[in-house]
Amino acid sequence: MAARDSSRVFAALGDPTRLRLLAKLGEGNGSSIASLTAGSKLTRQAITKHLGVLRKAGLIRGRRRGRERLFALQPAALDRARRSLDDISRQWDEALVRLKALAER
């Protein structure tokens, strides 16, 4: 995952509202802004802004259905982010092993 792509994904995931939206979008095949706003104190405008951040990060996609736009989770972007974190974790593990070996010498 390129550094620019991963920074957008992690920045998007760093907001609790966007995490809740992703959870809702992960439950189905597509949700409209109206359905995402239902039961929330957020305005349609606020939801739209958050969806824009998620879309730019590649975490969701939107498609037209009649007069409304349906948004859906793009799981591939989350998989790439997970793999990126796995790579970083592996690098740290290897660095700690080297540090331990150096300290024990």
N, C-alpha and C. Protein backbone atom coordinates (compact mmCIF):
# COMPACT_ATOMS: atom_id res chain seq x y z
N MET A 1 0.86 -1.17 0.00
CA MET A 1 0.00 0.00 0.00
C MET A 1 0.90 1.23 0.00
N ALA A 2 0.68 2.13 -0.94
CA ALA A 2 1.49 3.34 -1.02
C ALA A 2 1.27 4.21 0.21
N ALA A 3 2.30 4.95 0.59
CA ALA A 3 2.22 5.77 1.80
C ALA A 3 1.06 6.76 1.73
N ARG A 4 0.85 7.37 0.58
CA ARG A 4 -0.25 8.34 0.45
C ARG A 4 -1.60 7.66 0.65
N ASP A 5 -1.79 6.49 0.02
CA ASP A 5 -3.04 5.76 0.17
C ASP A 5 -3.28 5.35 1.61
N SER A 6 -2.24 4.82 2.25
CA SER A 6 -2.41 4.36 3.63
C SER A 6 -2.66 5.52 4.57
N SER A 7 -2.05 6.66 4.33
CA SER A 7 -2.29 7.80 5.23
C SER A 7 -3.74 8.27 5.11
N ARG A 8 -4.30 8.24 3.91
CA ARG A 8 -5.72 8.63 3.75
C ARG A 8 -6.63 7.64 4.46
N VAL A 9 -6.33 6.37 4.31
CA VAL A 9 -7.16 5.35 4.95
C VAL A 9 -7.11 5.49 6.46
N PHE A 10 -5.90 5.60 7.02
CA PHE A 10 -5.79 5.69 8.47
C PHE A 10 -6.36 7.00 9.01
N ALA A 11 -6.23 8.09 8.26
CA ALA A 11 -6.84 9.35 8.68
C ALA A 11 -8.37 9.22 8.68
N ALA A 12 -8.90 8.58 7.65
CA ALA A 12 -10.36 8.38 7.58
C ALA A 12 -10.85 7.50 8.72
N LEU A 13 -10.07 6.48 9.06
CA LEU A 13 -10.47 5.55 10.12
C LEU A 13 -10.30 6.16 11.51
N GLY A 14 -9.60 7.28 11.60
CA GLY A 14 -9.32 7.90 12.89
C GLY A 14 -10.48 8.70 13.45
N ASP A 15 -11.59 8.75 12.75
CA ASP A 15 -12.75 9.53 13.21
C ASP A 15 -13.86 8.58 13.64
N PRO A 16 -14.38 8.73 14.86
CA PRO A 16 -15.42 7.81 15.36
C PRO A 16 -16.69 7.81 14.51
N THR A 17 -17.07 8.97 13.98
CA THR A 17 -18.27 9.03 13.15
C THR A 17 -18.07 8.22 11.88
N ARG A 18 -16.91 8.34 11.26
CA ARG A 18 -16.65 7.58 10.05
C ARG A 18 -16.56 6.09 10.34
N LEU A 19 -16.03 5.73 11.49
CA LEU A 19 -16.01 4.30 11.87
C LEU A 19 -17.42 3.76 12.00
N ARG A 20 -18.31 4.54 12.60
CA ARG A 20 -19.71 4.11 12.73
C ARG A 20 -20.37 3.98 11.35
N LEU A 21 -20.07 4.93 10.46
CA LEU A 21 -20.62 4.85 9.11
C LEU A 21 -20.12 3.60 8.39
N LEU A 22 -18.84 3.31 8.53
CA LEU A 22 -18.30 2.09 7.90
C LEU A 22 -18.97 0.84 8.46
N ALA A 23 -19.20 0.82 9.76
CA ALA A 23 -19.88 -0.33 10.37
C ALA A 23 -21.27 -0.50 9.78
N LYS A 24 -22.00 0.60 9.62
CA LYS A 24 -23.34 0.52 9.03
C LYS A 24 -23.26 0.05 7.58
N LEU A 25 -22.29 0.58 6.86
CA LEU A 25 -22.16 0.21 5.45
C LEU A 25 -21.73 -1.24 5.29
N GLY A 26 -21.04 -1.77 6.27
CA GLY A 26 -20.61 -3.17 6.23
C GLY A 26 -21.74 -4.15 6.47
N GLU A 27 -22.88 -3.66 6.92
CA GLU A 27 -24.01 -4.52 7.22
C GLU A 27 -24.86 -4.88 6.01
N GLY A 28 -24.70 -4.12 4.91
CA GLY A 28 -25.59 -4.37 3.77
C GLY A 28 -24.92 -4.15 2.44
N ASN A 29 -25.76 -4.09 1.40
CA ASN A 29 -25.25 -3.95 0.03
C ASN A 29 -25.23 -2.51 -0.44
N GLY A 30 -25.76 -1.62 0.33
CA GLY A 30 -25.77 -0.21 -0.05
C GLY A 30 -26.74 0.55 0.82
N SER A 31 -26.34 1.76 1.19
CA SER A 31 -27.19 2.60 2.03
C SER A 31 -27.23 4.00 1.47
N SER A 32 -28.38 4.61 1.56
CA SER A 32 -28.53 6.00 1.12
C SER A 32 -28.15 6.93 2.26
N ILE A 33 -27.96 8.20 1.92
CA ILE A 33 -27.66 9.18 2.95
C ILE A 33 -28.81 9.26 3.94
N ALA A 34 -30.04 9.15 3.45
CA ALA A 34 -31.21 9.21 4.34
C ALA A 34 -31.16 8.07 5.35
N SER A 35 -30.83 6.86 4.91
CA SER A 35 -30.80 5.74 5.85
C SER A 35 -29.61 5.86 6.81
N LEU A 36 -28.50 6.43 6.35
CA LEU A 36 -27.34 6.62 7.23
C LEU A 36 -27.58 7.72 8.26
N THR A 37 -28.43 8.68 7.91
CA THR A 37 -28.75 9.78 8.82
C THR A 37 -29.78 9.36 9.87
N ALA A 38 -30.64 8.40 9.53
CA ALA A 38 -31.70 7.96 10.44
C ALA A 38 -31.12 7.51 11.77
N GLY A 39 -31.70 8.01 12.85
CA GLY A 39 -31.25 7.64 14.19
C GLY A 39 -29.97 8.35 14.62
N SER A 40 -29.53 9.28 13.83
CA SER A 40 -28.30 10.00 14.14
C SER A 40 -28.62 11.47 14.40
N LYS A 41 -27.78 12.12 15.15
CA LYS A 41 -27.94 13.55 15.39
C LYS A 41 -27.25 14.38 14.30
N LEU A 42 -26.58 13.68 13.38
CA LEU A 42 -25.86 14.37 12.31
C LEU A 42 -26.80 14.77 11.18
N THR A 43 -26.46 15.88 10.53
CA THR A 43 -27.24 16.34 9.39
C THR A 43 -26.83 15.57 8.14
N ARG A 44 -27.67 15.67 7.12
CA ARG A 44 -27.33 15.06 5.83
C ARG A 44 -26.02 15.64 5.31
N GLN A 45 -25.83 16.93 5.51
CA GLN A 45 -24.62 17.60 5.05
C GLN A 45 -23.38 17.02 5.75
N ALA A 46 -23.47 16.79 7.04
CA ALA A 46 -22.34 16.23 7.79
C ALA A 46 -22.04 14.80 7.32
N ILE A 47 -23.09 14.01 7.13
CA ILE A 47 -22.92 12.64 6.65
C ILE A 47 -22.26 12.66 5.27
N THR A 48 -22.71 13.56 4.41
CA THR A 48 -22.15 13.68 3.07
C THR A 48 -20.66 14.01 3.13
N LYS A 49 -20.29 14.90 4.02
CA LYS A 49 -18.88 15.27 4.16
C LYS A 49 -18.05 14.06 4.60
N HIS A 50 -18.53 13.32 5.59
CA HIS A 50 -17.82 12.13 6.06
C HIS A 50 -17.72 11.06 4.96
N LEU A 51 -18.80 10.90 4.20
CA LEU A 51 -18.78 9.93 3.11
C LEU A 51 -17.75 10.32 2.05
N GLY A 52 -17.59 11.63 1.83
CA GLY A 52 -16.59 12.10 0.88
C GLY A 52 -15.18 11.73 1.30
N VAL A 53 -14.90 11.85 2.60
CA VAL A 53 -13.58 11.47 3.12
C VAL A 53 -13.36 9.97 2.94
N LEU A 54 -14.38 9.19 3.25
CA LEU A 54 -14.28 7.73 3.11
C LEU A 54 -14.10 7.32 1.65
N ARG A 55 -14.81 8.02 0.76
CA ARG A 55 -14.69 7.72 -0.67
C ARG A 55 -13.30 8.05 -1.19
N LYS A 56 -12.77 9.22 -0.82
CA LYS A 56 -11.42 9.61 -1.26
C LYS A 56 -10.36 8.65 -0.74
N ALA A 57 -10.61 8.04 0.40
CA ALA A 57 -9.67 7.07 0.97
C ALA A 57 -9.83 5.69 0.32
N GLY A 58 -10.85 5.54 -0.53
CA GLY A 58 -11.08 4.26 -1.19
C GLY A 58 -11.81 3.25 -0.34
N LEU A 59 -12.39 3.69 0.77
CA LEU A 59 -13.06 2.78 1.69
C LEU A 59 -14.50 2.48 1.31
N ILE A 60 -15.11 3.37 0.52
CA ILE A 60 -16.48 3.17 0.07
C ILE A 60 -16.60 3.55 -1.40
N ARG A 61 -17.70 3.14 -1.98
CA ARG A 61 -18.03 3.58 -3.34
C ARG A 61 -19.50 3.97 -3.34
N GLY A 62 -19.85 4.84 -4.26
CA GLY A 62 -21.24 5.26 -4.40
C GLY A 62 -21.73 4.92 -5.80
N ARG A 63 -23.01 4.60 -5.89
CA ARG A 63 -23.62 4.35 -7.20
C ARG A 63 -25.03 4.91 -7.18
N ARG A 64 -25.44 5.36 -8.32
CA ARG A 64 -26.77 5.92 -8.46
C ARG A 64 -27.82 4.81 -8.59
N ARG A 65 -28.93 5.04 -7.89
CA ARG A 65 -30.11 4.18 -8.08
C ARG A 65 -31.30 5.12 -8.09
N GLY A 66 -31.79 5.40 -9.28
CA GLY A 66 -32.86 6.38 -9.41
C GLY A 66 -32.36 7.76 -9.00
N ARG A 67 -33.08 8.38 -8.08
CA ARG A 67 -32.72 9.72 -7.63
C ARG A 67 -31.75 9.71 -6.46
N GLU A 68 -31.52 8.56 -5.87
CA GLU A 68 -30.61 8.54 -4.72
C GLU A 68 -29.30 7.86 -5.05
N ARG A 69 -28.34 8.10 -4.22
CA ARG A 69 -27.03 7.48 -4.34
C ARG A 69 -26.88 6.50 -3.19
N LEU A 70 -26.48 5.29 -3.52
CA LEU A 70 -26.24 4.26 -2.50
C LEU A 70 -24.74 4.11 -2.30
N PHE A 71 -24.35 4.00 -1.05
CA PHE A 71 -22.94 3.86 -0.70
C PHE A 71 -22.71 2.47 -0.13
N ALA A 72 -21.55 1.90 -0.48
CA ALA A 72 -21.22 0.55 -0.01
C ALA A 72 -19.75 0.49 0.38
N LEU A 73 -19.46 -0.37 1.32
CA LEU A 73 -18.10 -0.59 1.80
C LEU A 73 -17.26 -1.23 0.70
N GLN A 74 -16.01 -0.82 0.61
CA GLN A 74 -15.03 -1.43 -0.28
C GLN A 74 -14.05 -2.21 0.61
N PRO A 75 -14.31 -3.48 0.86
CA PRO A 75 -13.48 -4.24 1.79
C PRO A 75 -12.02 -4.36 1.37
N ALA A 76 -11.74 -4.25 0.08
CA ALA A 76 -10.34 -4.39 -0.38
C ALA A 76 -9.45 -3.31 0.25
N ALA A 77 -9.98 -2.11 0.42
CA ALA A 77 -9.18 -1.03 1.02
C ALA A 77 -8.84 -1.36 2.48
N LEU A 78 -9.78 -1.94 3.19
CA LEU A 78 -9.50 -2.34 4.58
C LEU A 78 -8.50 -3.48 4.63
N ASP A 79 -8.59 -4.39 3.67
CA ASP A 79 -7.63 -5.50 3.61
C ASP A 79 -6.21 -4.97 3.36
N ARG A 80 -6.09 -3.99 2.45
CA ARG A 80 -4.77 -3.40 2.19
C ARG A 80 -4.24 -2.70 3.43
N ALA A 81 -5.10 -1.99 4.15
CA ALA A 81 -4.67 -1.31 5.37
C ALA A 81 -4.22 -2.32 6.42
N ARG A 82 -4.95 -3.42 6.54
CA ARG A 82 -4.57 -4.47 7.50
C ARG A 82 -3.22 -5.05 7.14
N ARG A 83 -3.01 -5.32 5.85
CA ARG A 83 -1.72 -5.86 5.42
C ARG A 83 -0.59 -4.87 5.67
N SER A 84 -0.87 -3.60 5.50
CA SER A 84 0.13 -2.57 5.78
C SER A 84 0.50 -2.59 7.26
N LEU A 85 -0.49 -2.70 8.13
CA LEU A 85 -0.22 -2.78 9.57
C LEU A 85 0.51 -4.07 9.93
N ASP A 86 0.17 -5.16 9.25
CA ASP A 86 0.88 -6.42 9.47
C ASP A 86 2.35 -6.29 9.10
N ASP A 87 2.63 -5.60 7.99
CA ASP A 87 4.02 -5.38 7.57
C ASP A 87 4.78 -4.56 8.60
N ILE A 88 4.15 -3.50 9.09
CA ILE A 88 4.80 -2.65 10.10
C ILE A 88 5.05 -3.44 11.37
N SER A 89 4.08 -4.24 11.77
CA SER A 89 4.23 -5.07 12.97
C SER A 89 5.38 -6.05 12.82
N ARG A 90 5.46 -6.67 11.65
CA ARG A 90 6.55 -7.62 11.39
C ARG A 90 7.91 -6.93 11.44
N GLN A 91 7.99 -5.72 10.88
CA GLN A 91 9.24 -4.96 10.91
C GLN A 91 9.65 -4.63 12.35
N TRP A 92 8.69 -4.25 13.16
CA TRP A 92 8.99 -3.95 14.57
C TRP A 92 9.43 -5.20 15.31
N ASP A 93 8.75 -6.31 15.06
CA ASP A 93 9.15 -7.58 15.70
C ASP A 93 10.58 -7.94 15.35
N GLU A 94 10.92 -7.80 14.08
CA GLU A 94 12.28 -8.11 13.64
C GLU A 94 13.30 -7.15 14.27
N ALA A 95 12.95 -5.88 14.37
CA ALA A 95 13.85 -4.90 14.98
C ALA A 95 14.06 -5.21 16.46
N LEU A 96 12.99 -5.62 17.15
CA LEU A 96 13.12 -5.95 18.57
C LEU A 96 13.96 -7.20 18.78
N VAL A 97 13.85 -8.17 17.89
CA VAL A 97 14.67 -9.37 17.98
C VAL A 97 16.15 -8.99 17.82
N ARG A 98 16.43 -8.13 16.84
CA ARG A 98 17.82 -7.68 16.63
C ARG A 98 18.33 -6.90 17.83
N LEU A 99 17.48 -6.03 18.39
CA LEU A 99 17.88 -5.24 19.57
C LEU A 99 18.17 -6.15 20.75
N LYS A 100 17.33 -7.14 20.95
CA LYS A 100 17.52 -8.09 22.07
C LYS A 100 18.84 -8.85 21.89
N ALA A 101 19.08 -9.30 20.66
CA ALA A 101 20.34 -10.04 20.40
C ALA A 101 21.54 -9.15 20.65
N LEU A 102 21.45 -7.89 20.26
CA LEU A 102 22.54 -6.95 20.48
C LEU A 102 22.74 -6.69 21.97
N ALA A 103 21.67 -6.53 22.70
CA ALA A 103 21.75 -6.26 24.13
C ALA A 103 22.32 -7.46 24.91
N GLU A 104 22.03 -8.66 24.43
CA GLU A 104 22.49 -9.88 25.12
C GLU A 104 23.95 -10.21 24.83
N ARG A 105 24.52 -9.57 23.83
CA ARG A 105 25.94 -9.83 23.50
C ARG A 105 26.85 -9.20 24.47
